[in-house]
Amino acid sequence: MNRIAYALVIALAVFLILLGGIFIIASGIENIVTGAVLVGIAALLIFFAYRSDKIEASKPKLINQTFNVKMGGSGQLEQKQLTCRSCGAPLEDKDLKVVQGGIMVKCPYCGSIYALEEAPKW
């Protein structure tokens, strides 16, 4: 329940409690019954608002984070054109994705998917 609806429900419950109190204070059995019904409805509204707030708080929240990371090497770096292992087509940055710490490549031409492995430096 969003904050505006929550505030409206609580405001309505407070109004009903005040109105029910006025009816209970007034003499007569009909007024006491009407006041009790209004206070009961207000109690149900407060309970509903409390429970819906607790249910919203218990739901997991998805948090997306993006990082801008520049990587550099300790030695001389060379830029090479990446090509697909299967068909030899040129690959671009948009064809690379990091999945569970490994770099996955999907060729836009032949649809091959494979893990990109770094050659040893020795």
C-alpha atoms as a PDB file:
ATOM      1  CA  MET A   1       0.000   0.000   0.000  1.00  0.00           C
ATOM      2  CA  ASN A   2       1.481   3.349  -0.935  1.00  0.00           C
ATOM      3  CA  ARG A   3       1.935   6.150   1.580  1.00  0.00           C
ATOM      4  CA  ILE A   4      -1.031   8.245   0.417  1.00  0.00           C
ATOM      5  CA  ALA A   5      -3.502   5.353   0.715  1.00  0.00           C
ATOM      6  CA  TYR A   6      -1.990   4.399   4.079  1.00  0.00           C
ATOM      7  CA  ALA A   7      -2.431   7.978   5.372  1.00  0.00           C
ATOM      8  CA  LEU A   8      -6.015   8.131   4.095  1.00  0.00           C
ATOM      9  CA  VAL A   9      -6.940   4.838   5.776  1.00  0.00           C
ATOM     10  CA  ILE A  10      -5.414   5.949   9.088  1.00  0.00           C
ATOM     11  CA  ALA A  11      -7.142   9.363   8.848  1.00  0.00           C
ATOM     12  CA  LEU A  12     -10.481   7.651   8.172  1.00  0.00           C
ATOM     13  CA  ALA A  13      -9.920   5.314  11.134  1.00  0.00           C
ATOM     14  CA  VAL A  14      -9.166   8.244  13.464  1.00  0.00           C
ATOM     15  CA  PHE A  15     -12.286  10.048  12.233  1.00  0.00           C
ATOM     16  CA  LEU A  16     -14.415   6.942  12.833  1.00  0.00           C
ATOM     17  CA  ILE A  17     -12.991   6.521  16.340  1.00  0.00           C
ATOM     18  CA  LEU A  18     -13.820  10.128  17.198  1.00  0.00           C
ATOM     19  CA  LEU A  19     -17.307   9.847  15.726  1.00  0.00           C
ATOM     20  CA  GLY A  20     -17.864   6.526  17.507  1.00  0.00           C
ATOM     21  CA  GLY A  21     -16.755   8.095  20.778  1.00  0.00           C
ATOM     22  CA  ILE A  22     -19.294  10.871  20.354  1.00  0.00           C
ATOM     23  CA  PHE A  23     -22.034   8.296  19.724  1.00  0.00           C
ATOM     24  CA  ILE A  24     -20.968   6.228  22.744  1.00  0.00           C
ATOM     25  CA  ILE A  25     -21.005   9.298  25.014  1.00  0.00           C
ATOM     26  CA  ALA A  26     -24.517  10.196  23.848  1.00  0.00           C
ATOM     27  CA  SER A  27     -27.286   8.497  25.764  1.00  0.00           C
ATOM     28  CA  GLY A  28     -29.481   5.812  24.272  1.00  0.00           C
ATOM     29  CA  ILE A  29     -28.901   2.187  23.321  1.00  0.00           C
ATOM     30  CA  GLU A  30     -29.016   2.924  19.575  1.00  0.00           C
ATOM     31  CA  ASN A  31     -26.241   5.488  19.929  1.00  0.00           C
ATOM     32  CA  ILE A  32     -24.024   3.128  21.930  1.00  0.00           C
ATOM     33  CA  VAL A  33     -24.460   0.348  19.331  1.00  0.00           C
ATOM     34  CA  THR A  34     -23.733   2.780  16.474  1.00  0.00           C
ATOM     35  CA  GLY A  35     -20.638   4.065  18.307  1.00  0.00           C
ATOM     36  CA  ALA A  36     -19.396   0.533  18.945  1.00  0.00           C
ATOM     37  CA  VAL A  37     -19.863  -0.378  15.268  1.00  0.00           C
ATOM     38  CA  LEU A  38     -17.929   2.736  14.154  1.00  0.00           C
ATOM     39  CA  VAL A  39     -15.080   2.015  16.589  1.00  0.00           C
ATOM     40  CA  GLY A  40     -15.032  -1.630  15.402  1.00  0.00           C
ATOM     41  CA  ILE A  41     -14.784  -0.553  11.752  1.00  0.00           C
ATOM     42  CA  ALA A  42     -11.958   1.833  12.694  1.00  0.00           C
ATOM     43  CA  ALA A  43     -10.119  -0.997  14.461  1.00  0.00           C
ATOM     44  CA  LEU A  44     -10.453  -3.188  11.357  1.00  0.00           C
ATOM     45  CA  LEU A  45      -9.079  -0.382   9.160  1.00  0.00           C
ATOM     46  CA  ILE A  46      -6.077   0.101  11.451  1.00  0.00           C
ATOM     47  CA  PHE A  47      -5.450  -3.661  11.499  1.00  0.00           C
ATOM     48  CA  PHE A  48      -5.680  -3.803   7.693  1.00  0.00           C
ATOM     49  CA  ALA A  49      -3.225  -0.902   7.312  1.00  0.00           C
ATOM     50  CA  TYR A  50      -0.799  -2.464   9.816  1.00  0.00           C
ATOM     51  CA  ARG A  51      -0.881  -5.898   8.148  1.00  0.00           C
ATOM     52  CA  SER A  52      -0.472  -4.532   4.627  1.00  0.00           C
ATOM     53  CA  ASP A  53       2.515  -2.472   5.815  1.00  0.00           C
ATOM     54  CA  LYS A  54       4.109  -5.587   7.365  1.00  0.00           C
ATOM     55  CA  ILE A  55       3.476  -7.636   4.197  1.00  0.00           C
ATOM     56  CA  GLU A  56       5.120  -4.945   2.027  1.00  0.00           C
ATOM     57  CA  ALA A  57       8.112  -4.808   4.368  1.00  0.00           C
ATOM     58  CA  SER A  58       8.615  -8.585   4.181  1.00  0.00           C
ATOM     59  CA  LYS A  59       8.780  -8.688   0.364  1.00  0.00           C
ATOM     60  CA  PRO A  60      12.294  -8.869  -1.079  1.00  0.00           C
ATOM     61  CA  LYS A  61      13.466  -5.779  -2.907  1.00  0.00           C
ATOM     62  CA  LEU A  62      15.428  -5.989  -6.135  1.00  0.00           C
ATOM     63  CA  ILE A  63      18.385  -3.624  -6.239  1.00  0.00           C
ATOM     64  CA  ASN A  64      20.150  -2.991  -9.535  1.00  0.00           C
ATOM     65  CA  GLN A  65      23.663  -1.601  -9.447  1.00  0.00           C
ATOM     66  CA  THR A  66      25.800  -0.554 -12.355  1.00  0.00           C
ATOM     67  CA  PHE A  67      29.491   0.164 -12.164  1.00  0.00           C
ATOM     68  CA  ASN A  68      31.782   2.070 -14.457  1.00  0.00           C
ATOM     69  CA  VAL A  69      35.082   0.230 -14.245  1.00  0.00           C
ATOM     70  CA  LYS A  70      38.162   0.872 -16.331  1.00  0.00           C
ATOM     71  CA  MET A  71      40.617  -1.956 -16.468  1.00  0.00           C
ATOM     72  CA  GLY A  72      44.298  -1.577 -17.041  1.00  0.00           C
ATOM     73  CA  GLY A  73      47.147  -4.024 -17.274  1.00  0.00           C
ATOM     74  CA  SER A  74      50.602  -4.001 -15.780  1.00  0.00           C
ATOM     75  CA  GLY A  75      52.405  -4.456 -19.084  1.00  0.00           C
ATOM     76  CA  GLN A  76      52.087  -3.424 -22.705  1.00  0.00           C
ATOM     77  CA  LEU A  77      48.511  -3.731 -23.923  1.00  0.00           C
ATOM     78  CA  GLU A  78      47.542  -4.478 -27.498  1.00  0.00           C
ATOM     79  CA  GLN A  79      44.133  -3.996 -28.976  1.00  0.00           C
ATOM     80  CA  LYS A  80      42.942  -6.943 -31.038  1.00  0.00           C
ATOM     81  CA  GLN A  81      39.796  -7.484 -33.043  1.00  0.00           C
ATOM     82  CA  LEU A  82      37.722 -10.265 -31.510  1.00  0.00           C
ATOM     83  CA  THR A  83      36.400 -12.832 -33.948  1.00  0.00           C
ATOM     84  CA  CYS A  84      33.938 -15.668 -33.498  1.00  0.00           C
ATOM     85  CA  ARG A  85      35.482 -19.121 -33.024  1.00  0.00           C
ATOM     86  CA  SER A  86      32.813 -20.753 -35.172  1.00  0.00           C
ATOM     87  CA  CYS A  87      32.306 -18.464 -38.153  1.00  0.00           C
ATOM     88  CA  GLY A  88      35.143 -15.907 -37.884  1.00  0.00           C
ATOM     89  CA  ALA A  89      32.786 -12.887 -37.836  1.00  0.00           C
ATOM     90  CA  PRO A  90      33.977  -9.738 -36.041  1.00  0.00           C
ATOM     91  CA  LEU A  91      32.608  -9.260 -32.516  1.00  0.00           C
ATOM     92  CA  GLU A  92      31.822  -6.007 -30.729  1.00  0.00           C
ATOM     93  CA  ASP A  93      31.558  -4.948 -27.090  1.00  0.00           C
ATOM     94  CA  LYS A  94      27.781  -5.406 -27.110  1.00  0.00           C
ATOM     95  CA  ASP A  95      28.283  -9.127 -27.847  1.00  0.00           C
ATOM     96  CA  LEU A  96      30.161  -9.643 -24.540  1.00  0.00           C
ATOM     97  CA  LYS A  97      28.401 -10.218 -21.205  1.00  0.00           C
ATOM     98  CA  VAL A  98      29.743 -10.985 -17.745  1.00  0.00           C
ATOM     99  CA  VAL A  99      27.950 -14.005 -16.267  1.00  0.00           C
ATOM    100  CA  GLN A 100      28.985 -15.265 -12.824  1.00  0.00           C
ATOM    101  CA  GLY A 101      32.429 -13.700 -13.116  1.00  0.00           C
ATOM    102  CA  GLY A 102      33.197 -15.096 -16.580  1.00  0.00           C
ATOM    103  CA  ILE A 103      32.973 -13.332 -19.924  1.00  0.00           C
ATOM    104  CA  MET A 104      30.426 -14.903 -22.266  1.00  0.00           C
ATOM    105  CA  VAL A 105      30.366 -14.191 -26.000  1.00  0.00           C
ATOM    106  CA  LYS A 106      27.329 -14.528 -28.258  1.00  0.00           C
ATOM    107  CA  CYS A 107      27.964 -14.222 -31.983  1.00  0.00           C
ATOM    108  CA  PRO A 108      25.284 -12.090 -33.677  1.00  0.00           C
ATOM    109  CA  TYR A 109      25.840 -13.902 -36.999  1.00  0.00           C
ATOM    110  CA  CYS A 110      25.855 -17.613 -36.218  1.00  0.00           C
ATOM    111  CA  GLY A 111      24.402 -17.513 -32.659  1.00  0.00           C
ATOM    112  CA  SER A 112      27.287 -19.431 -31.055  1.00  0.00           C
ATOM    113  CA  ILE A 113      27.697 -18.880 -27.310  1.00  0.00           C
ATOM    114  CA  TYR A 114      30.957 -19.619 -25.548  1.00  0.00           C
ATOM    115  CA  ALA A 115      33.148 -18.414 -22.689  1.00  0.00           C
ATOM    116  CA  LEU A 116      36.005 -16.074 -23.536  1.00  0.00           C
ATOM    117  CA  GLU A 117      39.267 -17.307 -22.074  1.00  0.00           C
ATOM    118  CA  GLU A 118      42.344 -15.215 -21.516  1.00  0.00           C
ATOM    119  CA  ALA A 119      45.581 -16.597 -22.895  1.00  0.00           C
ATOM    120  CA  PRO A 120      48.322 -17.065 -20.309  1.00  0.00           C
ATOM    121  CA  LYS A 121      50.955 -14.308 -20.239  1.00  0.00           C
ATOM    122  CA  TRP A 122      54.001 -16.570 -19.996  1.00  0.00           C
END
